[in-house]
Amino acid sequence: MEAWVIWLLAAALLGIAELLTLTLALGLLAVAALVAGLTGALGLPVGAQVAVFAVASVAGLAVVRPVARRHVRQPPPLRSGTAALVGREAYTLTEVSRTGGRVRIGGEEWSARPYDPAAVIPADTTADVLAIEGATALLYPTTTGGPGGRDTAGEAAADRGTGKETS
């Protein structure tokens, strides 16, 4: 078997080992073996192939791996502005329907409408902010109610039938 085929087999085995370990080191060695195999396919002697493998390995492990590790360890970008509001909880100040409404998100008052145009979110309940369009928050109602944790949407519907005043 020719030397370049052995290099390609070594590259394949190192690539598979990299997929199983996710260390990046074996992947860089696989690339170095691939380069050495290409060198062998060009007809260079085995000594030159080993030298190319050594240089490519050292270059990958000494240059590429530290840069890649530094990049992976960076903290996620901070969300700011309206992007930071997506996923937060909103407290409805007025009924929120497709025509609009008002909510409090993180101490600020926002205009709002439900994400589902057919939905109506009663006042004094909580909802999740799914998106921000301009200065309007798009909401999805949660199953728990207002700030006390009670289901005010269900109680308000039940109280309408009895004539009892809701708080």
N, C-alpha and C. Protein backbone atom coordinates (compact mmCIF):
# COMPACT_ATOMS: atom_id res chain seq x y z
N MET A 1 0.86 -1.18 0.00
CA MET A 1 0.00 0.00 0.00
C MET A 1 0.90 1.24 0.00
N GLU A 2 0.51 2.22 -0.77
CA GLU A 2 1.32 3.43 -0.88
C GLU A 2 1.18 4.30 0.37
N ALA A 3 2.17 5.13 0.61
CA ALA A 3 2.22 5.94 1.83
C ALA A 3 1.08 6.95 1.88
N TRP A 4 0.71 7.52 0.74
CA TRP A 4 -0.34 8.54 0.75
C TRP A 4 -1.68 7.95 1.15
N VAL A 5 -1.93 6.69 0.82
CA VAL A 5 -3.18 6.04 1.22
C VAL A 5 -3.20 5.85 2.74
N ILE A 6 -2.06 5.51 3.30
CA ILE A 6 -1.97 5.35 4.76
C ILE A 6 -2.23 6.69 5.45
N TRP A 7 -1.70 7.77 4.89
CA TRP A 7 -1.97 9.10 5.45
C TRP A 7 -3.46 9.43 5.41
N LEU A 8 -4.12 9.10 4.29
CA LEU A 8 -5.56 9.37 4.17
C LEU A 8 -6.37 8.53 5.16
N LEU A 9 -5.96 7.27 5.37
CA LEU A 9 -6.63 6.43 6.37
C LEU A 9 -6.43 7.00 7.77
N ALA A 10 -5.21 7.45 8.05
CA ALA A 10 -4.93 8.06 9.36
C ALA A 10 -5.77 9.32 9.55
N ALA A 11 -5.91 10.11 8.48
CA ALA A 11 -6.72 11.33 8.56
C ALA A 11 -8.17 10.97 8.85
N ALA A 12 -8.69 9.94 8.19
CA ALA A 12 -10.07 9.52 8.42
C ALA A 12 -10.26 9.04 9.85
N LEU A 13 -9.35 8.22 10.35
CA LEU A 13 -9.45 7.72 11.72
C LEU A 13 -9.35 8.85 12.74
N LEU A 14 -8.43 9.78 12.51
CA LEU A 14 -8.32 10.93 13.42
C LEU A 14 -9.56 11.81 13.35
N GLY A 15 -10.14 11.95 12.17
CA GLY A 15 -11.38 12.72 12.03
C GLY A 15 -12.52 12.08 12.80
N ILE A 16 -12.65 10.76 12.71
CA ILE A 16 -13.69 10.05 13.46
C ILE A 16 -13.45 10.19 14.96
N ALA A 17 -12.19 10.05 15.38
CA ALA A 17 -11.87 10.21 16.80
C ALA A 17 -12.20 11.62 17.28
N GLU A 18 -11.99 12.62 16.42
CA GLU A 18 -12.33 14.00 16.78
C GLU A 18 -13.83 14.15 16.98
N LEU A 19 -14.61 13.54 16.12
CA LEU A 19 -16.06 13.61 16.26
C LEU A 19 -16.53 12.98 17.58
N LEU A 20 -15.82 11.98 18.05
CA LEU A 20 -16.20 11.32 19.31
C LEU A 20 -15.71 12.07 20.54
N THR A 21 -14.61 12.80 20.43
CA THR A 21 -14.03 13.47 21.60
C THR A 21 -14.26 14.97 21.64
N LEU A 22 -14.40 15.61 20.49
CA LEU A 22 -14.59 17.07 20.39
C LEU A 22 -13.50 17.86 21.11
N THR A 23 -12.25 17.45 20.91
CA THR A 23 -11.13 18.13 21.54
C THR A 23 -10.48 19.18 20.63
N LEU A 24 -10.72 19.13 19.37
CA LEU A 24 -10.14 19.96 18.33
C LEU A 24 -8.71 19.56 18.00
N ALA A 25 -7.99 18.95 18.94
CA ALA A 25 -6.61 18.55 18.68
C ALA A 25 -6.56 17.42 17.65
N LEU A 26 -7.42 16.43 17.79
CA LEU A 26 -7.40 15.32 16.84
C LEU A 26 -7.86 15.76 15.46
N GLY A 27 -8.74 16.71 15.40
CA GLY A 27 -9.17 17.24 14.12
C GLY A 27 -8.04 17.95 13.40
N LEU A 28 -7.25 18.70 14.16
CA LEU A 28 -6.10 19.39 13.55
C LEU A 28 -5.05 18.39 13.09
N LEU A 29 -4.88 17.31 13.84
CA LEU A 29 -3.96 16.26 13.41
C LEU A 29 -4.50 15.56 12.15
N ALA A 30 -5.81 15.42 12.06
CA ALA A 30 -6.41 14.83 10.86
C ALA A 30 -6.14 15.70 9.65
N VAL A 31 -6.23 17.00 9.80
CA VAL A 31 -5.94 17.91 8.70
C VAL A 31 -4.46 17.80 8.31
N ALA A 32 -3.58 17.69 9.31
CA ALA A 32 -2.15 17.54 9.03
C ALA A 32 -1.88 16.23 8.29
N ALA A 33 -2.57 15.15 8.67
CA ALA A 33 -2.39 13.87 7.96
C ALA A 33 -2.93 13.97 6.54
N LEU A 34 -4.00 14.71 6.34
CA LEU A 34 -4.55 14.91 5.00
C LEU A 34 -3.55 15.67 4.12
N VAL A 35 -2.93 16.70 4.69
CA VAL A 35 -1.93 17.47 3.95
C VAL A 35 -0.73 16.57 3.62
N ALA A 36 -0.32 15.74 4.58
CA ALA A 36 0.79 14.82 4.32
C ALA A 36 0.41 13.81 3.23
N GLY A 37 -0.84 13.35 3.24
CA GLY A 37 -1.29 12.43 2.20
C GLY A 37 -1.28 13.08 0.83
N LEU A 38 -1.69 14.34 0.75
CA LEU A 38 -1.64 15.06 -0.53
C LEU A 38 -0.20 15.23 -1.00
N THR A 39 0.71 15.43 -0.04
CA THR A 39 2.13 15.54 -0.39
C THR A 39 2.63 14.22 -0.96
N GLY A 40 2.19 13.11 -0.36
CA GLY A 40 2.58 11.79 -0.87
C GLY A 40 1.98 11.52 -2.23
N ALA A 41 0.75 11.98 -2.46
CA ALA A 41 0.11 11.79 -3.76
C ALA A 41 0.84 12.56 -4.86
N LEU A 42 1.51 13.63 -4.49
CA LEU A 42 2.29 14.40 -5.47
C LEU A 42 3.61 13.72 -5.80
N GLY A 43 3.95 12.65 -5.05
CA GLY A 43 5.16 11.89 -5.37
C GLY A 43 6.36 12.24 -4.53
N LEU A 44 6.20 13.04 -3.50
CA LEU A 44 7.34 13.37 -2.63
C LEU A 44 7.68 12.18 -1.75
N PRO A 45 8.93 12.05 -1.32
CA PRO A 45 9.34 10.90 -0.52
C PRO A 45 8.71 10.92 0.89
N VAL A 46 8.77 9.77 1.55
CA VAL A 46 8.16 9.60 2.88
C VAL A 46 8.75 10.59 3.88
N GLY A 47 10.03 10.87 3.80
CA GLY A 47 10.65 11.83 4.71
C GLY A 47 10.01 13.21 4.58
N ALA A 48 9.74 13.63 3.36
CA ALA A 48 9.09 14.93 3.14
C ALA A 48 7.65 14.89 3.66
N GLN A 49 6.98 13.77 3.52
CA GLN A 49 5.61 13.63 4.02
C GLN A 49 5.57 13.75 5.54
N VAL A 50 6.53 13.10 6.20
CA VAL A 50 6.60 13.19 7.67
C VAL A 50 6.90 14.62 8.09
N ALA A 51 7.79 15.29 7.37
CA ALA A 51 8.12 16.68 7.70
C ALA A 51 6.90 17.59 7.52
N VAL A 52 6.15 17.38 6.43
CA VAL A 52 4.95 18.18 6.21
C VAL A 52 3.93 17.91 7.31
N PHE A 53 3.78 16.63 7.71
CA PHE A 53 2.85 16.29 8.80
C PHE A 53 3.27 16.99 10.09
N ALA A 54 4.56 16.98 10.39
CA ALA A 54 5.05 17.61 11.63
C ALA A 54 4.82 19.11 11.62
N VAL A 55 5.14 19.75 10.51
CA VAL A 55 4.96 21.21 10.42
C VAL A 55 3.48 21.57 10.51
N ALA A 56 2.64 20.85 9.78
CA ALA A 56 1.20 21.13 9.81
C ALA A 56 0.61 20.87 11.20
N SER A 57 1.07 19.83 11.87
CA SER A 57 0.59 19.51 13.22
C SER A 57 0.96 20.61 14.21
N VAL A 58 2.23 21.01 14.18
CA VAL A 58 2.68 22.05 15.10
C VAL A 58 1.97 23.37 14.81
N ALA A 59 1.81 23.69 13.54
CA ALA A 59 1.12 24.94 13.18
C ALA A 59 -0.32 24.90 13.66
N GLY A 60 -0.98 23.80 13.46
CA GLY A 60 -2.38 23.70 13.89
C GLY A 60 -2.52 23.75 15.39
N LEU A 61 -1.70 22.99 16.10
CA LEU A 61 -1.82 22.94 17.56
C LEU A 61 -1.30 24.20 18.24
N ALA A 62 -0.31 24.86 17.65
CA ALA A 62 0.27 26.04 18.29
C ALA A 62 -0.43 27.33 17.89
N VAL A 63 -1.03 27.38 16.69
CA VAL A 63 -1.62 28.62 16.21
C VAL A 63 -3.15 28.55 16.19
N VAL A 64 -3.68 27.56 15.51
CA VAL A 64 -5.13 27.50 15.30
C VAL A 64 -5.87 27.14 16.58
N ARG A 65 -5.40 26.14 17.32
CA ARG A 65 -6.13 25.68 18.50
C ARG A 65 -6.29 26.77 19.57
N PRO A 66 -5.25 27.52 19.94
CA PRO A 66 -5.46 28.57 20.94
C PRO A 66 -6.45 29.65 20.49
N VAL A 67 -6.41 30.00 19.21
CA VAL A 67 -7.35 31.00 18.70
C VAL A 67 -8.78 30.46 18.78
N ALA A 68 -8.96 29.21 18.38
CA ALA A 68 -10.29 28.60 18.42
C ALA A 68 -10.80 28.47 19.85
N ARG A 69 -9.94 28.08 20.77
CA ARG A 69 -10.36 27.94 22.18
C ARG A 69 -10.74 29.29 22.76
N ARG A 70 -10.00 30.33 22.43
CA ARG A 70 -10.32 31.67 22.91
C ARG A 70 -11.68 32.10 22.37
N HIS A 71 -11.94 31.78 21.12
CA HIS A 71 -13.21 32.14 20.50
C HIS A 71 -14.38 31.39 21.15
N VAL A 72 -14.19 30.13 21.46
CA VAL A 72 -15.25 29.33 22.08
C VAL A 72 -15.54 29.80 23.50
N ARG A 73 -14.54 30.26 24.21
CA ARG A 73 -14.72 30.67 25.61
C ARG A 73 -15.28 32.07 25.79
N GLN A 74 -15.50 32.80 24.72
CA GLN A 74 -16.05 34.15 24.84
C GLN A 74 -17.47 34.06 25.39
N PRO A 75 -17.84 34.99 26.27
CA PRO A 75 -19.21 34.97 26.77
C PRO A 75 -20.19 35.32 25.67
N PRO A 76 -21.43 34.87 25.80
CA PRO A 76 -22.41 35.21 24.77
C PRO A 76 -22.63 36.72 24.73
N PRO A 77 -22.96 37.25 23.57
CA PRO A 77 -23.17 38.70 23.47
C PRO A 77 -24.35 39.13 24.35
N LEU A 78 -24.19 40.28 24.98
CA LEU A 78 -25.25 40.79 25.82
C LEU A 78 -26.38 41.33 24.96
N ARG A 79 -27.60 40.98 25.35
CA ARG A 79 -28.75 41.52 24.64
C ARG A 79 -29.09 42.86 25.27
N SER A 80 -29.34 43.84 24.43
CA SER A 80 -29.70 45.16 24.94
C SER A 80 -30.84 45.72 24.11
N GLY A 81 -31.41 46.80 24.56
CA GLY A 81 -32.51 47.42 23.85
C GLY A 81 -33.74 46.54 23.86
N THR A 82 -34.47 46.56 22.76
CA THR A 82 -35.70 45.77 22.71
C THR A 82 -35.43 44.27 22.68
N ALA A 83 -34.27 43.85 22.20
CA ALA A 83 -33.94 42.42 22.18
C ALA A 83 -33.87 41.86 23.60
N ALA A 84 -33.50 42.69 24.58
CA ALA A 84 -33.43 42.23 25.96
C ALA A 84 -34.81 41.99 26.56
N LEU A 85 -35.84 42.55 25.97
CA LEU A 85 -37.20 42.37 26.50
C LEU A 85 -37.85 41.08 26.04
N VAL A 86 -37.40 40.53 24.94
CA VAL A 86 -37.98 39.29 24.43
C VAL A 86 -37.70 38.17 25.41
N GLY A 87 -38.75 37.45 25.79
CA GLY A 87 -38.62 36.37 26.76
C GLY A 87 -38.96 36.80 28.18
N ARG A 88 -39.11 38.08 28.42
CA ARG A 88 -39.43 38.56 29.77
C ARG A 88 -40.93 38.44 30.02
N GLU A 89 -41.31 38.66 31.25
CA GLU A 89 -42.70 38.61 31.64
C GLU A 89 -43.29 40.02 31.65
N ALA A 90 -44.51 40.14 31.15
CA ALA A 90 -45.19 41.43 31.12
C ALA A 90 -46.45 41.34 31.98
N TYR A 91 -46.78 42.41 32.66
CA TYR A 91 -47.99 42.51 33.48
C TYR A 91 -48.96 43.42 32.76
N THR A 92 -50.14 42.91 32.45
CA THR A 92 -51.10 43.69 31.66
C THR A 92 -51.78 44.73 32.54
N LEU A 93 -51.75 45.97 32.12
CA LEU A 93 -52.40 47.07 32.83
C LEU A 93 -53.84 47.23 32.35
N THR A 94 -54.06 46.98 31.07
CA THR A 94 -55.40 47.02 30.47
C THR A 94 -55.60 45.72 29.69
N GLU A 95 -56.80 45.49 29.25
CA GLU A 95 -57.04 44.33 28.41
C GLU A 95 -56.24 44.49 27.11
N VAL A 96 -55.61 43.41 26.69
CA VAL A 96 -54.78 43.44 25.49
C VAL A 96 -55.49 42.60 24.42
N SER A 97 -55.86 43.26 23.35
CA SER A 97 -56.53 42.58 22.24
C SER A 97 -55.84 42.99 20.94
N ARG A 98 -56.40 42.56 19.82
CA ARG A 98 -55.77 42.89 18.54
C ARG A 98 -55.76 44.39 18.26
N THR A 99 -56.61 45.14 18.96
CA THR A 99 -56.62 46.59 18.77
C THR A 99 -55.63 47.30 19.68
N GLY A 100 -55.07 46.57 20.64
CA GLY A 100 -54.04 47.16 21.50
C GLY A 100 -54.29 46.95 22.97
N GLY A 101 -53.45 47.56 23.77
CA GLY A 101 -53.52 47.47 25.22
C GLY A 101 -52.23 48.01 25.80
N ARG A 102 -52.13 48.03 27.14
CA ARG A 102 -50.94 48.54 27.82
C ARG A 102 -50.42 47.48 28.78
N VAL A 103 -49.10 47.35 28.84
CA VAL A 103 -48.46 46.40 29.75
C VAL A 103 -47.27 47.06 30.42
N ARG A 104 -46.83 46.44 31.52
CA ARG A 104 -45.61 46.88 32.20
C ARG A 104 -44.57 45.78 32.03
N ILE A 105 -43.43 46.16 31.45
CA ILE A 105 -42.32 45.22 31.24
C ILE A 105 -41.10 45.80 31.92
N GLY A 106 -40.65 45.16 32.96
CA GLY A 106 -39.43 45.61 33.65
C GLY A 106 -39.49 47.05 34.11
N GLY A 107 -40.64 47.50 34.61
CA GLY A 107 -40.78 48.85 35.13
C GLY A 107 -41.15 49.89 34.10
N GLU A 108 -41.25 49.51 32.83
CA GLU A 108 -41.62 50.45 31.78
C GLU A 108 -42.98 50.09 31.21
N GLU A 109 -43.73 51.11 30.83
CA GLU A 109 -45.04 50.88 30.25
C GLU A 109 -44.93 50.83 28.73
N TRP A 110 -45.53 49.79 28.13
CA TRP A 110 -45.46 49.56 26.69
C TRP A 110 -46.85 49.37 26.12
N SER A 111 -47.01 49.74 24.85
CA SER A 111 -48.22 49.35 24.14
C SER A 111 -48.04 47.89 23.76
N ALA A 112 -49.16 47.16 23.66
CA ALA A 112 -49.05 45.72 23.41
C ALA A 112 -50.25 45.22 22.64
N ARG A 113 -50.04 44.07 22.02
CA ARG A 113 -51.13 43.32 21.41
C ARG A 113 -50.73 41.86 21.46
N PRO A 114 -51.71 40.97 21.40
CA PRO A 114 -51.37 39.54 21.48
C PRO A 114 -50.69 39.06 20.21
N TYR A 115 -49.81 38.09 20.36
CA TYR A 115 -49.13 37.49 19.20
C TYR A 115 -50.15 36.81 18.30
N ASP A 116 -51.13 36.15 18.94
CA ASP A 116 -52.24 35.53 18.21
C ASP A 116 -53.35 36.57 18.12
N PRO A 117 -53.69 37.07 16.94
CA PRO A 117 -54.68 38.15 16.82
C PRO A 117 -56.05 37.78 17.38
N ALA A 118 -56.37 36.50 17.48
CA ALA A 118 -57.68 36.09 18.00
C ALA A 118 -57.71 36.09 19.52
N ALA A 119 -56.56 36.14 20.16
CA ALA A 119 -56.51 36.06 21.63
C ALA A 119 -56.84 37.40 22.26
N VAL A 120 -57.39 37.33 23.48
CA VAL A 120 -57.63 38.51 24.30
C VAL A 120 -57.03 38.20 25.67
N ILE A 121 -56.14 39.07 26.12
CA ILE A 121 -55.48 38.89 27.40
C ILE A 121 -56.10 39.88 28.38
N PRO A 122 -56.75 39.39 29.45
CA PRO A 122 -57.41 40.30 30.40
C PRO A 122 -56.41 41.17 31.15
N ALA A 123 -56.92 42.25 31.74
CA ALA A 123 -56.08 43.12 32.56
C ALA A 123 -55.66 42.38 33.83
N ASP A 124 -54.58 42.83 34.43
CA ASP A 124 -54.05 42.29 35.68
C ASP A 124 -53.62 40.82 35.56
N THR A 125 -53.11 40.44 34.42
CA THR A 125 -52.56 39.10 34.25
C THR A 125 -51.14 39.22 33.73
N THR A 126 -50.45 38.10 33.68
CA THR A 126 -49.09 38.11 33.16
C THR A 126 -49.07 37.44 31.80
N ALA A 127 -48.11 37.84 31.00
CA ALA A 127 -47.94 37.29 29.66
C ALA A 127 -46.45 37.30 29.34
N ASP A 128 -46.06 36.45 28.42
CA ASP A 128 -44.68 36.40 27.96
C ASP A 128 -44.52 37.29 26.74
N VAL A 129 -43.40 38.01 26.68
CA VAL A 129 -43.09 38.85 25.53
C VAL A 129 -42.42 37.97 24.48
N LEU A 130 -43.08 37.79 23.33
CA LEU A 130 -42.52 36.96 22.26
C LEU A 130 -41.72 37.76 21.26
N ALA A 131 -42.08 39.02 21.06
CA ALA A 131 -41.37 39.86 20.09
C ALA A 131 -41.69 41.32 20.36
N ILE A 132 -40.89 42.20 19.79
CA ILE A 132 -41.14 43.64 19.84
C ILE A 132 -41.20 44.12 18.40
N GLU A 133 -42.30 44.76 18.04
CA GLU A 133 -42.43 45.37 16.71
C GLU A 133 -42.59 46.87 16.91
N GLY A 134 -41.56 47.60 16.58
CA GLY A 134 -41.58 49.05 16.80
C GLY A 134 -41.63 49.33 18.29
N ALA A 135 -42.71 49.98 18.73
CA ALA A 135 -42.89 50.26 20.16
C ALA A 135 -44.02 49.43 20.74
N THR A 136 -44.33 48.30 20.10
CA THR A 136 -45.41 47.43 20.55
C THR A 136 -44.86 46.06 20.91
N ALA A 137 -45.22 45.58 22.09
CA ALA A 137 -44.82 44.25 22.53
C ALA A 137 -45.87 43.24 22.07
N LEU A 138 -45.42 42.15 21.49
CA LEU A 138 -46.31 41.07 21.11
C LEU A 138 -46.27 40.02 22.21
N LEU A 139 -47.45 39.70 22.78
CA LEU A 139 -47.52 38.89 23.98
C LEU A 139 -48.20 37.55 23.74
N TYR A 140 -47.88 36.61 24.61
CA TYR A 140 -48.56 35.33 24.66
C TYR A 140 -48.97 35.12 26.12
N PRO A 141 -50.26 34.87 26.39
CA PRO A 141 -50.69 34.75 27.78
C PRO A 141 -50.08 33.53 28.46
N THR A 142 -49.77 33.68 29.75
CA THR A 142 -49.28 32.56 30.55
C THR A 142 -50.44 31.96 31.31
N THR A 143 -50.24 30.77 31.85
CA THR A 143 -51.33 30.10 32.57
C THR A 143 -51.53 30.67 33.96
N THR A 144 -50.47 31.22 34.56
CA THR A 144 -50.63 31.81 35.88
C THR A 144 -51.07 33.25 35.73
N GLY A 145 -51.73 33.75 36.74
CA GLY A 145 -52.30 35.08 36.67
C GLY A 145 -51.35 36.17 37.07
N GLY A 146 -51.91 37.21 37.71
CA GLY A 146 -51.20 38.43 38.04
C GLY A 146 -50.04 38.24 38.96
N PRO A 147 -49.58 39.35 39.57
CA PRO A 147 -48.37 39.31 40.35
C PRO A 147 -48.50 38.42 41.58
N GLY A 148 -49.70 38.19 42.07
CA GLY A 148 -49.89 37.31 43.22
C GLY A 148 -49.84 35.85 42.84
N GLY A 149 -49.77 35.52 41.56
CA GLY A 149 -49.67 34.15 41.12
C GLY A 149 -51.02 33.48 40.92
N ARG A 150 -52.12 34.19 41.18
CA ARG A 150 -53.42 33.56 40.99
C ARG A 150 -53.88 33.73 39.56
N ASP A 151 -54.76 32.86 39.11
CA ASP A 151 -55.25 32.88 37.74
C ASP A 151 -56.38 33.89 37.63
N THR A 152 -56.03 35.16 37.43
CA THR A 152 -57.04 36.21 37.40
C THR A 152 -57.88 36.15 36.15
N ALA A 153 -57.34 35.57 35.07
CA ALA A 153 -58.13 35.47 33.85
C ALA A 153 -59.32 34.54 34.08
N GLY A 154 -59.10 33.40 34.72
CA GLY A 154 -60.18 32.47 35.00
C GLY A 154 -61.15 33.02 36.03
N GLU A 155 -60.63 33.69 37.05
CA GLU A 155 -61.50 34.26 38.09
C GLU A 155 -62.35 35.38 37.53
N ALA A 156 -61.78 36.21 36.65
CA ALA A 156 -62.54 37.32 36.08
C ALA A 156 -63.69 36.78 35.23
N ALA A 157 -63.45 35.71 34.48
CA ALA A 157 -64.51 35.13 33.67
C ALA A 157 -65.59 34.53 34.56
N ALA A 158 -65.19 33.89 35.64
CA ALA A 158 -66.16 33.29 36.55
C ALA A 158 -66.95 34.37 37.28
N ASP A 159 -66.28 35.47 37.65
CA ASP A 159 -66.94 36.54 38.41
C ASP A 159 -67.92 37.31 37.54
N ARG A 160 -67.71 37.39 36.24
CA ARG A 160 -68.64 38.09 35.36
C ARG A 160 -70.00 37.41 35.39
N GLY A 161 -70.00 36.10 35.54
CA GLY A 161 -71.27 35.36 35.56
C GLY A 161 -72.01 35.55 36.88
N THR A 162 -71.32 35.85 38.00
CA THR A 162 -71.97 35.97 39.31
C THR A 162 -72.24 37.42 39.66
N GLY A 163 -71.69 38.35 38.92
CA GLY A 163 -71.88 39.76 39.23
C GLY A 163 -70.95 40.25 40.33
N LYS A 164 -70.06 39.40 40.80
CA LYS A 164 -69.10 39.75 41.84
C LYS A 164 -68.03 40.66 41.25
N GLU A 165 -67.63 41.68 42.02
CA GLU A 165 -66.62 42.62 41.55
C GLU A 165 -65.24 41.98 41.67
N THR A 166 -64.42 42.13 40.64
CA THR A 166 -63.06 41.57 40.69
C THR A 166 -62.11 42.59 41.25
N SER A 167 -61.04 42.11 41.85
CA SER A 167 -60.03 43.01 42.41
C SER A 167 -58.91 43.24 41.45
